[in-house]
């Protein structure tokens, strides 16, 4: 690529760093038996002929992309991939709240954040990033205002991944949350399978699905969904999570002096998911968002951009 002097254009955001989900025993096998740890926690695979159960993790190590951070394995793209291009342009929104910013900062990349302006002559770069075209998002995004339905999401940490881990299927908190989502889809919006969509953390999605009927199981879309138009007809959507920066990635970036803005991260991830729905084609949507923190982040954003 370097010899060809290519330019790279990235649509939306790259998966610059991600935590590889392994059990504690798997983590010990990989770190103690299969790899050798080098500088900054980078792991090198010992056996070049290995072809066992951890072959995908080996591929990350062979690419210089596998790191140990505490008790977690982190896959991080080799920065030389991007340095091989003459220039890189990333098309994204709320860059300061994304993992890719921490990644670029960690590796010393120089970059300029720009916006886009439109007029009768067309579009051009501007010095005003993150300024969407003036749209009445308050009319397009109709947020459910029902204190009883929103009650399970009260509190800064409610509906976070740790919160879901602490509450089982039959707990009063999860039962109330499941009831709220059912009321939203069934009573408030009278939705059908064709127009509804919801999300929570993938490891906990079964907690919001009725065990007897399986209702809403097929209406799920993972919370980190990207770059798909498949759901642009969905008008009744439920955002059942409270997003925070992964603590392992937070430590990785912070240890190199490059923190990620936690609220901007949550807002960026939420908007990415919401924009999988009908709002991406300018149609109004109904939104159930029980987390008080996420709801405030969204309403504040709407006020700032309307």
C-alpha atoms as a PDB file:
ATOM      1  CA  UNK A   1       0.000   0.000   0.000  1.00  0.00           C
ATOM      2  CA  UNK A   2       2.823   2.364   0.845  1.00  0.00           C
ATOM      3  CA  UNK A   3       4.447   1.872  -2.554  1.00  0.00           C
ATOM      4  CA  UNK A   4       1.133   2.592  -4.314  1.00  0.00           C
ATOM      5  CA  UNK A   5       0.618   5.855  -2.362  1.00  0.00           C
ATOM      6  CA  UNK A   6      -3.038   5.207  -1.618  1.00  0.00           C
ATOM      7  CA  UNK A   7      -5.470   7.433   0.247  1.00  0.00           C
ATOM      8  CA  UNK A   8      -7.838   5.751   2.723  1.00  0.00           C
ATOM      9  CA  UNK A   9     -11.398   6.887   3.399  1.00  0.00           C
ATOM     10  CA  UNK A  10     -13.041   5.307   6.470  1.00  0.00           C
ATOM     11  CA  UNK A  11     -16.850   5.475   6.675  1.00  0.00           C
ATOM     12  CA  UNK A  12     -18.031   5.844  10.305  1.00  0.00           C
ATOM     13  CA  UNK A  13     -15.586   4.510  12.933  1.00  0.00           C
ATOM     14  CA  UNK A  14     -12.946   1.798  12.984  1.00  0.00           C
ATOM     15  CA  UNK A  15     -12.711  -0.928  15.622  1.00  0.00           C
ATOM     16  CA  UNK A  16      -9.328   0.402  16.700  1.00  0.00           C
ATOM     17  CA  UNK A  17      -9.337  -1.398  20.037  1.00  0.00           C
ATOM     18  CA  UNK A  18     -11.604  -4.070  21.453  1.00  0.00           C
ATOM     19  CA  UNK A  19     -11.576  -6.443  24.384  1.00  0.00           C
ATOM     20  CA  UNK A  20     -11.458 -10.122  23.456  1.00  0.00           C
ATOM     21  CA  UNK A  21     -13.948 -11.981  25.624  1.00  0.00           C
ATOM     22  CA  UNK A  22     -12.355 -15.046  27.167  1.00  0.00           C
ATOM     23  CA  UNK A  23     -12.912 -16.886  30.422  1.00  0.00           C
ATOM     24  CA  UNK A  24     -10.412 -16.510  33.245  1.00  0.00           C
ATOM     25  CA  UNK A  25      -9.019 -19.993  32.537  1.00  0.00           C
ATOM     26  CA  UNK A  26      -8.667 -19.175  28.809  1.00  0.00           C
ATOM     27  CA  UNK A  27      -6.893 -15.937  29.710  1.00  0.00           C
ATOM     28  CA  UNK A  28      -4.402 -17.847  31.858  1.00  0.00           C
ATOM     29  CA  UNK A  29      -3.759 -20.391  29.092  1.00  0.00           C
ATOM     30  CA  UNK A  30      -3.105 -17.681  26.510  1.00  0.00           C
ATOM     31  CA  UNK A  31      -0.926 -15.463  28.717  1.00  0.00           C
ATOM     32  CA  UNK A  32       0.983 -18.137  30.650  1.00  0.00           C
ATOM     33  CA  UNK A  33       1.377 -20.973  28.137  1.00  0.00           C
ATOM     34  CA  UNK A  34       0.932 -19.677  24.596  1.00  0.00           C
ATOM     35  CA  UNK A  35       2.392 -16.167  24.533  1.00  0.00           C
ATOM     36  CA  UNK A  36       5.322 -14.107  25.767  1.00  0.00           C
ATOM     37  CA  UNK A  37       4.733 -10.586  27.038  1.00  0.00           C
ATOM     38  CA  UNK A  38       6.879  -7.764  25.713  1.00  0.00           C
ATOM     39  CA  UNK A  39       6.983  -4.001  26.010  1.00  0.00           C
ATOM     40  CA  UNK A  40       3.737  -2.172  26.865  1.00  0.00           C
ATOM     41  CA  UNK A  41       1.951  -5.489  27.377  1.00  0.00           C
ATOM     42  CA  UNK A  42       2.262  -6.638  23.734  1.00  0.00           C
ATOM     43  CA  UNK A  43       1.919 -10.419  23.438  1.00  0.00           C
ATOM     44  CA  UNK A  44       3.934 -12.560  21.021  1.00  0.00           C
ATOM     45  CA  UNK A  45       2.752 -16.064  20.099  1.00  0.00           C
ATOM     46  CA  UNK A  46       5.333 -18.721  20.946  1.00  0.00           C
ATOM     47  CA  UNK A  47       4.454 -21.506  18.489  1.00  0.00           C
ATOM     48  CA  UNK A  48       4.253 -20.345  14.851  1.00  0.00           C
ATOM     49  CA  UNK A  49       2.669 -23.667  13.834  1.00  0.00           C
ATOM     50  CA  UNK A  50      -0.174 -23.467  16.381  1.00  0.00           C
ATOM     51  CA  UNK A  51      -3.656 -24.248  14.954  1.00  0.00           C
ATOM     52  CA  UNK A  52      -5.789 -24.910  18.037  1.00  0.00           C
ATOM     53  CA  UNK A  53      -8.828 -23.308  19.664  1.00  0.00           C
ATOM     54  CA  UNK A  54      -7.169 -19.906  20.075  1.00  0.00           C
ATOM     55  CA  UNK A  55      -6.103 -19.494  16.455  1.00  0.00           C
ATOM     56  CA  UNK A  56      -7.984 -16.183  16.069  1.00  0.00           C
ATOM     57  CA  UNK A  57      -6.165 -14.774  19.077  1.00  0.00           C
ATOM     58  CA  UNK A  58      -2.907 -16.039  17.537  1.00  0.00           C
ATOM     59  CA  UNK A  59      -3.733 -14.116  14.354  1.00  0.00           C
ATOM     60  CA  UNK A  60      -4.064 -10.928  16.406  1.00  0.00           C
ATOM     61  CA  UNK A  61      -0.712 -11.637  18.089  1.00  0.00           C
ATOM     62  CA  UNK A  62       0.964 -12.362  14.730  1.00  0.00           C
ATOM     63  CA  UNK A  63      -0.299  -9.006  13.464  1.00  0.00           C
ATOM     64  CA  UNK A  64       1.246  -7.218  16.452  1.00  0.00           C
ATOM     65  CA  UNK A  65      -2.240  -6.345  17.683  1.00  0.00           C
ATOM     66  CA  UNK A  66      -2.598  -8.354  20.909  1.00  0.00           C
ATOM     67  CA  UNK A  67      -2.016  -6.726  24.293  1.00  0.00           C
ATOM     68  CA  UNK A  68      -2.464  -7.688  27.910  1.00  0.00           C
ATOM     69  CA  UNK A  69      -4.120  -5.017  30.048  1.00  0.00           C
ATOM     70  CA  UNK A  70      -4.634  -6.193  33.608  1.00  0.00           C
ATOM     71  CA  UNK A  71      -6.649  -9.404  33.407  1.00  0.00           C
ATOM     72  CA  UNK A  72      -7.915  -8.774  29.875  1.00  0.00           C
ATOM     73  CA  UNK A  73      -6.793  -9.339  26.309  1.00  0.00           C
ATOM     74  CA  UNK A  74      -7.036  -6.292  24.057  1.00  0.00           C
ATOM     75  CA  UNK A  75      -6.874  -6.401  20.278  1.00  0.00           C
ATOM     76  CA  UNK A  76      -5.534  -3.151  18.874  1.00  0.00           C
ATOM     77  CA  UNK A  77      -4.826  -2.445  15.211  1.00  0.00           C
ATOM     78  CA  UNK A  78      -1.201  -2.136  14.171  1.00  0.00           C
ATOM     79  CA  UNK A  79      -0.687   1.624  13.569  1.00  0.00           C
ATOM     80  CA  UNK A  80       1.615   0.882  10.624  1.00  0.00           C
ATOM     81  CA  UNK A  81      -1.517  -0.035   8.657  1.00  0.00           C
ATOM     82  CA  UNK A  82      -2.570   3.626   8.708  1.00  0.00           C
ATOM     83  CA  UNK A  83       0.947   4.975   8.252  1.00  0.00           C
ATOM     84  CA  UNK A  84       1.132   3.035   4.980  1.00  0.00           C
ATOM     85  CA  UNK A  85      -1.327   5.484   3.380  1.00  0.00           C
ATOM     86  CA  UNK A  86      -0.464   8.931   2.047  1.00  0.00           C
ATOM     87  CA  UNK A  87      -3.505  10.309   3.843  1.00  0.00           C
ATOM     88  CA  UNK A  88      -6.465   9.008   5.841  1.00  0.00           C
ATOM     89  CA  UNK A  89      -9.901  10.626   6.021  1.00  0.00           C
ATOM     90  CA  UNK A  90     -12.372   9.401   8.639  1.00  0.00           C
ATOM     91  CA  UNK A  91     -16.053  10.222   8.198  1.00  0.00           C
ATOM     92  CA  UNK A  92     -17.552  10.161  11.666  1.00  0.00           C
ATOM     93  CA  UNK A  93     -19.438  12.114  14.325  1.00  0.00           C
ATOM     94  CA  UNK A  94     -18.505  13.011  17.935  1.00  0.00           C
ATOM     95  CA  UNK A  95     -14.929  11.887  17.339  1.00  0.00           C
ATOM     96  CA  UNK A  96     -13.782  13.079  20.779  1.00  0.00           C
ATOM     97  CA  UNK A  97     -15.956  10.422  22.404  1.00  0.00           C
ATOM     98  CA  UNK A  98     -14.690   7.454  20.402  1.00  0.00           C
ATOM     99  CA  UNK A  99     -12.129   4.733  20.969  1.00  0.00           C
ATOM    100  CA  UNK A 100     -10.485   5.622  17.685  1.00  0.00           C
ATOM    101  CA  UNK A 101      -9.470   9.012  19.095  1.00  0.00           C
ATOM    102  CA  UNK A 102      -7.745   7.344  22.047  1.00  0.00           C
ATOM    103  CA  UNK A 103      -6.071   4.957  19.615  1.00  0.00           C
ATOM    104  CA  UNK A 104      -4.769   7.698  17.319  1.00  0.00           C
ATOM    105  CA  UNK A 105      -3.559   9.732  20.292  1.00  0.00           C
ATOM    106  CA  UNK A 106      -1.817   6.698  21.839  1.00  0.00           C
ATOM    107  CA  UNK A 107       0.177   6.154  18.667  1.00  0.00           C
ATOM    108  CA  UNK A 108       1.087   9.785  18.118  1.00  0.00           C
ATOM    109  CA  UNK A 109      -0.898  10.422  14.940  1.00  0.00           C
ATOM    110  CA  UNK A 110      -1.272  14.040  13.874  1.00  0.00           C
ATOM    111  CA  UNK A 111      -4.790  14.877  12.685  1.00  0.00           C
ATOM    112  CA  UNK A 112      -7.203  17.745  12.131  1.00  0.00           C
ATOM    113  CA  UNK A 113     -10.913  17.550  13.001  1.00  0.00           C
ATOM    114  CA  UNK A 114     -13.088  19.358  10.454  1.00  0.00           C
ATOM    115  CA  UNK A 115     -16.768  19.716   9.647  1.00  0.00           C
ATOM    116  CA  UNK A 116     -18.762  20.106   6.456  1.00  0.00           C
ATOM    117  CA  UNK A 117     -20.673  23.132   5.189  1.00  0.00           C
ATOM    118  CA  UNK A 118     -23.347  23.140   2.490  1.00  0.00           C
ATOM    119  CA  UNK A 119     -24.499  25.940   0.217  1.00  0.00           C
ATOM    120  CA  UNK A 120     -25.711  26.409  -3.350  1.00  0.00           C
ATOM    121  CA  UNK A 121     -22.236  25.542  -4.658  1.00  0.00           C
ATOM    122  CA  UNK A 122     -22.135  22.177  -2.906  1.00  0.00           C
ATOM    123  CA  UNK A 123     -20.274  20.815   0.132  1.00  0.00           C
ATOM    124  CA  UNK A 124     -16.836  21.662   1.515  1.00  0.00           C
ATOM    125  CA  UNK A 125     -14.780  21.183   4.659  1.00  0.00           C
ATOM    126  CA  UNK A 126     -15.178  23.739   7.439  1.00  0.00           C
ATOM    127  CA  UNK A 127     -13.640  24.493  10.845  1.00  0.00           C
ATOM    128  CA  UNK A 128     -16.926  23.645  12.615  1.00  0.00           C
ATOM    129  CA  UNK A 129     -17.048  19.886  13.314  1.00  0.00           C
ATOM    130  CA  UNK A 130     -20.023  18.040  14.803  1.00  0.00           C
ATOM    131  CA  UNK A 131     -22.618  20.535  13.619  1.00  0.00           C
ATOM    132  CA  UNK A 132     -25.468  18.604  11.955  1.00  0.00           C
ATOM    133  CA  UNK A 133     -27.788  20.354   9.554  1.00  0.00           C
ATOM    134  CA  UNK A 134     -30.559  22.259  11.404  1.00  0.00           C
ATOM    135  CA  UNK A 135     -33.341  19.735  11.970  1.00  0.00           C
ATOM    136  CA  UNK A 136     -36.060  19.669  14.626  1.00  0.00           C
ATOM    137  CA  UNK A 137     -34.874  16.468  16.294  1.00  0.00           C
ATOM    138  CA  UNK A 138     -37.379  17.085  19.088  1.00  0.00           C
ATOM    139  CA  UNK A 139     -40.152  16.390  16.569  1.00  0.00           C
ATOM    140  CA  UNK A 140     -38.442  13.439  14.950  1.00  0.00           C
ATOM    141  CA  UNK A 141     -37.459  11.673  18.197  1.00  0.00           C
ATOM    142  CA  UNK A 142     -40.505  11.201  20.443  1.00  0.00           C
ATOM    143  CA  UNK A 143     -39.126  10.063  23.804  1.00  0.00           C
ATOM    144  CA  UNK A 144     -41.440   8.236  26.211  1.00  0.00           C
ATOM    145  CA  UNK A 145     -42.030  10.345  29.330  1.00  0.00           C
ATOM    146  CA  UNK A 146     -43.446   7.819  31.806  1.00  0.00           C
ATOM    147  CA  UNK A 147     -41.908   7.959  35.321  1.00  0.00           C
ATOM    148  CA  UNK A 148     -43.100   4.488  36.284  1.00  0.00           C
ATOM    149  CA  UNK A 149     -41.736   2.879  33.122  1.00  0.00           C
ATOM    150  CA  UNK A 150     -38.460   4.782  33.482  1.00  0.00           C
ATOM    151  CA  UNK A 151     -38.030   4.014  37.187  1.00  0.00           C
ATOM    152  CA  UNK A 152     -35.646   1.029  36.723  1.00  0.00           C
ATOM    153  CA  UNK A 153     -33.207   3.375  34.983  1.00  0.00           C
ATOM    154  CA  UNK A 154     -32.971   5.962  37.747  1.00  0.00           C
ATOM    155  CA  UNK A 155     -29.418   6.466  38.982  1.00  0.00           C
ATOM    156  CA  UNK A 156     -26.142   7.085  37.157  1.00  0.00           C
ATOM    157  CA  UNK A 157     -25.136   3.412  36.995  1.00  0.00           C
ATOM    158  CA  UNK A 158     -28.579   1.877  36.422  1.00  0.00           C
ATOM    159  CA  UNK A 159     -28.786  -0.284  33.268  1.00  0.00           C
ATOM    160  CA  UNK A 160     -24.988  -0.396  32.933  1.00  0.00           C
ATOM    161  CA  UNK A 161     -23.319  -3.723  32.145  1.00  0.00           C
ATOM    162  CA  UNK A 162     -22.447  -4.183  35.814  1.00  0.00           C
ATOM    163  CA  UNK A 163     -26.050  -3.439  36.792  1.00  0.00           C
ATOM    164  CA  UNK A 164     -27.358  -6.148  34.452  1.00  0.00           C
ATOM    165  CA  UNK A 165     -24.793  -8.595  35.841  1.00  0.00           C
ATOM    166  CA  UNK A 166     -26.042  -7.987  39.382  1.00  0.00           C
ATOM    167  CA  UNK A 167     -29.726  -8.520  38.553  1.00  0.00           C
ATOM    168  CA  UNK A 168     -31.200 -11.835  37.474  1.00  0.00           C
ATOM    169  CA  UNK A 169     -34.167 -12.571  35.238  1.00  0.00           C
ATOM    170  CA  UNK A 170     -36.633 -12.767  38.150  1.00  0.00           C
ATOM    171  CA  UNK A 171     -35.363  -9.754  40.117  1.00  0.00           C
ATOM    172  CA  UNK A 172     -37.864  -6.955  40.641  1.00  0.00           C
ATOM    173  CA  UNK A 173     -35.626  -4.536  38.713  1.00  0.00           C
ATOM    174  CA  UNK A 174     -35.376  -6.708  35.580  1.00  0.00           C
ATOM    175  CA  UNK A 175     -39.055  -7.660  35.845  1.00  0.00           C
ATOM    176  CA  UNK A 176     -40.001  -3.963  35.938  1.00  0.00           C
ATOM    177  CA  UNK A 177     -37.709  -3.233  32.999  1.00  0.00           C
ATOM    178  CA  UNK A 178     -39.184  -6.089  30.983  1.00  0.00           C
ATOM    179  CA  UNK A 179     -42.673  -4.817  31.812  1.00  0.00           C
ATOM    180  CA  UNK A 180     -41.743  -1.305  30.707  1.00  0.00           C
ATOM    181  CA  UNK A 181     -40.507  -2.498  27.333  1.00  0.00           C
ATOM    182  CA  UNK A 182     -43.637  -4.614  26.869  1.00  0.00           C
ATOM    183  CA  UNK A 183     -45.852  -1.612  27.690  1.00  0.00           C
ATOM    184  CA  UNK A 184     -43.927   0.525  25.222  1.00  0.00           C
ATOM    185  CA  UNK A 185     -44.269  -1.908  22.350  1.00  0.00           C
ATOM    186  CA  UNK A 186     -47.716  -3.268  23.168  1.00  0.00           C
ATOM    187  CA  UNK A 187     -49.733  -0.436  24.757  1.00  0.00           C
ATOM    188  CA  UNK A 188     -48.076   2.887  23.891  1.00  0.00           C
ATOM    189  CA  UNK A 189     -46.975   2.318  20.294  1.00  0.00           C
ATOM    190  CA  UNK A 190     -49.028  -0.798  19.406  1.00  0.00           C
ATOM    191  CA  UNK A 191     -46.003  -1.928  17.447  1.00  0.00           C
ATOM    192  CA  UNK A 192     -45.684  -4.903  15.129  1.00  0.00           C
ATOM    193  CA  UNK A 193     -42.729  -7.127  14.332  1.00  0.00           C
ATOM    194  CA  UNK A 194     -42.165  -4.987  11.233  1.00  0.00           C
ATOM    195  CA  UNK A 195     -41.591  -1.682  13.029  1.00  0.00           C
ATOM    196  CA  UNK A 196     -40.019  -2.465  16.418  1.00  0.00           C
ATOM    197  CA  UNK A 197     -36.387  -2.749  17.431  1.00  0.00           C
ATOM    198  CA  UNK A 198     -34.577  -2.861  20.763  1.00  0.00           C
ATOM    199  CA  UNK A 199     -31.171  -3.381  22.303  1.00  0.00           C
ATOM    200  CA  UNK A 200     -29.362  -4.203  25.517  1.00  0.00           C
ATOM    201  CA  UNK A 201     -25.994  -5.813  26.234  1.00  0.00           C
ATOM    202  CA  UNK A 202     -25.771  -8.991  24.181  1.00  0.00           C
ATOM    203  CA  UNK A 203     -24.811 -11.153  27.170  1.00  0.00           C
ATOM    204  CA  UNK A 204     -28.023 -10.084  28.944  1.00  0.00           C
ATOM    205  CA  UNK A 205     -30.584  -9.836  26.153  1.00  0.00           C
ATOM    206  CA  UNK A 206     -32.443 -12.962  27.328  1.00  0.00           C
ATOM    207  CA  UNK A 207     -33.342 -11.145  30.555  1.00  0.00           C
ATOM    208  CA  UNK A 208     -35.688  -8.890  28.573  1.00  0.00           C
ATOM    209  CA  UNK A 209     -37.265 -11.683  26.519  1.00  0.00           C
ATOM    210  CA  UNK A 210     -40.317 -13.462  27.913  1.00  0.00           C
ATOM    211  CA  UNK A 211     -39.256 -17.030  28.666  1.00  0.00           C
ATOM    212  CA  UNK A 212     -42.681 -18.474  27.924  1.00  0.00           C
ATOM    213  CA  UNK A 213     -43.527 -16.719  24.676  1.00  0.00           C
ATOM    214  CA  UNK A 214     -40.112 -15.629  23.400  1.00  0.00           C
ATOM    215  CA  UNK A 215     -41.730 -12.288  22.565  1.00  0.00           C
ATOM    216  CA  UNK A 216     -39.333  -9.665  21.078  1.00  0.00           C
ATOM    217  CA  UNK A 217     -36.431 -12.114  20.713  1.00  0.00           C
ATOM    218  CA  UNK A 218     -36.255 -11.534  16.961  1.00  0.00           C
ATOM    219  CA  UNK A 219     -36.510  -7.745  17.295  1.00  0.00           C
ATOM    220  CA  UNK A 220     -33.085  -7.406  18.919  1.00  0.00           C
ATOM    221  CA  UNK A 221     -30.138  -5.501  17.420  1.00  0.00           C
ATOM    222  CA  UNK A 222     -26.837  -5.391  19.287  1.00  0.00           C
ATOM    223  CA  UNK A 223     -25.961  -2.033  20.808  1.00  0.00           C
ATOM    224  CA  UNK A 224     -22.722  -1.581  18.846  1.00  0.00           C
ATOM    225  CA  UNK A 225     -24.314  -2.130  15.419  1.00  0.00           C
ATOM    226  CA  UNK A 226     -22.666  -0.080  12.673  1.00  0.00           C
ATOM    227  CA  UNK A 227     -23.012   0.731   8.995  1.00  0.00           C
ATOM    228  CA  UNK A 228     -26.275  -1.022   8.209  1.00  0.00           C
ATOM    229  CA  UNK A 229     -29.418   0.280   6.499  1.00  0.00           C
ATOM    230  CA  UNK A 230     -31.334  -2.918   7.150  1.00  0.00           C
ATOM    231  CA  UNK A 231     -33.446  -1.380   9.938  1.00  0.00           C
ATOM    232  CA  UNK A 232     -34.308   1.996   8.392  1.00  0.00           C
ATOM    233  CA  UNK A 233     -38.021   1.088   8.452  1.00  0.00           C
ATOM    234  CA  UNK A 234     -38.094   0.636  12.248  1.00  0.00           C
ATOM    235  CA  UNK A 235     -40.115   3.392  13.925  1.00  0.00           C
ATOM    236  CA  UNK A 236     -40.615   2.057  17.485  1.00  0.00           C
ATOM    237  CA  UNK A 237     -37.295   1.475  19.196  1.00  0.00           C
ATOM    238  CA  UNK A 238     -36.136   0.801  22.765  1.00  0.00           C
ATOM    239  CA  UNK A 239     -32.638   1.623  23.992  1.00  0.00           C
ATOM    240  CA  UNK A 240     -32.301  -0.431  27.181  1.00  0.00           C
ATOM    241  CA  UNK A 241     -28.659   0.227  28.105  1.00  0.00           C
ATOM    242  CA  UNK A 242     -26.462   2.742  29.867  1.00  0.00           C
ATOM    243  CA  UNK A 243     -23.106   2.901  28.093  1.00  0.00           C
ATOM    244  CA  UNK A 244     -19.718   3.489  29.711  1.00  0.00           C
ATOM    245  CA  UNK A 245     -16.177   3.222  28.400  1.00  0.00           C
ATOM    246  CA  UNK A 246     -14.838  -0.314  28.827  1.00  0.00           C
ATOM    247  CA  UNK A 247     -12.661  -0.046  31.983  1.00  0.00           C
ATOM    248  CA  UNK A 248      -9.883  -2.075  30.369  1.00  0.00           C
ATOM    249  CA  UNK A 249      -9.743   0.203  27.331  1.00  0.00           C
ATOM    250  CA  UNK A 250     -10.077   3.224  29.592  1.00  0.00           C
ATOM    251  CA  UNK A 251      -7.003   2.018  31.506  1.00  0.00           C
ATOM    252  CA  UNK A 252      -5.146   1.313  28.261  1.00  0.00           C
ATOM    253  CA  UNK A 253      -5.689   4.836  26.942  1.00  0.00           C
ATOM    254  CA  UNK A 254      -5.310   6.587  30.307  1.00  0.00           C
ATOM    255  CA  UNK A 255      -2.010   4.785  30.985  1.00  0.00           C
ATOM    256  CA  UNK A 256      -0.713   6.476  27.849  1.00  0.00           C
ATOM    257  CA  UNK A 257      -2.176   9.829  28.911  1.00  0.00           C
ATOM    258  CA  UNK A 258      -5.073   9.699  26.440  1.00  0.00           C
ATOM    259  CA  UNK A 259      -8.467   9.425  28.129  1.00  0.00           C
ATOM    260  CA  UNK A 260     -11.807   9.118  26.283  1.00  0.00           C
ATOM    261  CA  UNK A 261     -14.649  11.469  27.258  1.00  0.00           C
ATOM    262  CA  UNK A 262     -17.119   9.105  28.952  1.00  0.00           C
ATOM    263  CA  UNK A 263     -20.330  11.059  28.327  1.00  0.00           C
ATOM    264  CA  UNK A 264     -19.399  11.820  24.719  1.00  0.00           C
ATOM    265  CA  UNK A 265     -18.637   8.126  24.247  1.00  0.00           C
ATOM    266  CA  UNK A 266     -22.069   7.170  25.585  1.00  0.00           C
ATOM    267  CA  UNK A 267     -23.792   9.763  23.395  1.00  0.00           C
ATOM    268  CA  UNK A 268     -21.849   8.715  20.304  1.00  0.00           C
ATOM    269  CA  UNK A 269     -22.664   5.030  20.779  1.00  0.00           C
ATOM    270  CA  UNK A 270     -26.336   5.788  21.421  1.00  0.00           C
ATOM    271  CA  UNK A 271     -26.722   8.023  18.363  1.00  0.00           C
ATOM    272  CA  UNK A 272     -25.023   5.400  16.191  1.00  0.00           C
ATOM    273  CA  UNK A 273     -27.614   2.856  17.272  1.00  0.00           C
ATOM    274  CA  UNK A 274     -30.634   5.187  17.057  1.00  0.00           C
ATOM    275  CA  UNK A 275     -29.588   6.138  13.529  1.00  0.00           C
ATOM    276  CA  UNK A 276     -30.009   2.530  12.387  1.00  0.00           C
ATOM    277  CA  UNK A 277     -33.784   3.233  12.555  1.00  0.00           C
ATOM    278  CA  UNK A 278     -36.196   5.235  10.388  1.00  0.00           C
ATOM    279  CA  UNK A 279     -34.733   8.556  11.529  1.00  0.00           C
ATOM    280  CA  UNK A 280     -31.832   7.970   9.140  1.00  0.00           C
ATOM    281  CA  UNK A 281     -34.300   8.563   6.280  1.00  0.00           C
ATOM    282  CA  UNK A 282     -35.959  11.536   7.995  1.00  0.00           C
ATOM    283  CA  UNK A 283     -38.973   9.738   9.455  1.00  0.00           C
ATOM    284  CA  UNK A 284     -40.115  10.244  13.085  1.00  0.00           C
ATOM    285  CA  UNK A 285     -39.522   7.519  15.659  1.00  0.00           C
ATOM    286  CA  UNK A 286     -40.850   6.612  19.099  1.00  0.00           C
ATOM    287  CA  UNK A 287     -38.071   5.925  21.605  1.00  0.00           C
ATOM    288  CA  UNK A 288     -38.123   4.210  24.998  1.00  0.00           C
ATOM    289  CA  UNK A 289     -34.925   5.059  26.872  1.00  0.00           C
ATOM    290  CA  UNK A 290     -35.329   4.216  30.567  1.00  0.00           C
ATOM    291  CA  UNK A 291     -31.785   5.139  31.674  1.00  0.00           C
ATOM    292  CA  UNK A 292     -31.997   8.606  33.254  1.00  0.00           C
ATOM    293  CA  UNK A 293     -28.365   9.325  32.333  1.00  0.00           C
ATOM    294  CA  UNK A 294     -28.716   8.326  28.676  1.00  0.00           C
ATOM    295  CA  UNK A 295     -32.050  10.127  28.376  1.00  0.00           C
ATOM    296  CA  UNK A 296     -30.514  13.370  29.651  1.00  0.00           C
ATOM    297  CA  UNK A 297     -27.536  13.042  27.305  1.00  0.00           C
ATOM    298  CA  UNK A 298     -29.949  12.680  24.399  1.00  0.00           C
ATOM    299  CA  UNK A 299     -32.343  15.484  25.405  1.00  0.00           C
ATOM    300  CA  UNK A 300     -29.396  17.844  25.963  1.00  0.00           C
ATOM    301  CA  UNK A 301     -28.051  16.949  22.516  1.00  0.00           C
ATOM    302  CA  UNK A 302     -31.462  17.569  20.944  1.00  0.00           C
ATOM    303  CA  UNK A 303     -31.689  21.008  22.595  1.00  0.00           C
ATOM    304  CA  UNK A 304     -28.213  21.937  21.395  1.00  0.00           C
ATOM    305  CA  UNK A 305     -28.846  20.864  17.815  1.00  0.00           C
ATOM    306  CA  UNK A 306     -32.430  21.995  17.181  1.00  0.00           C
END
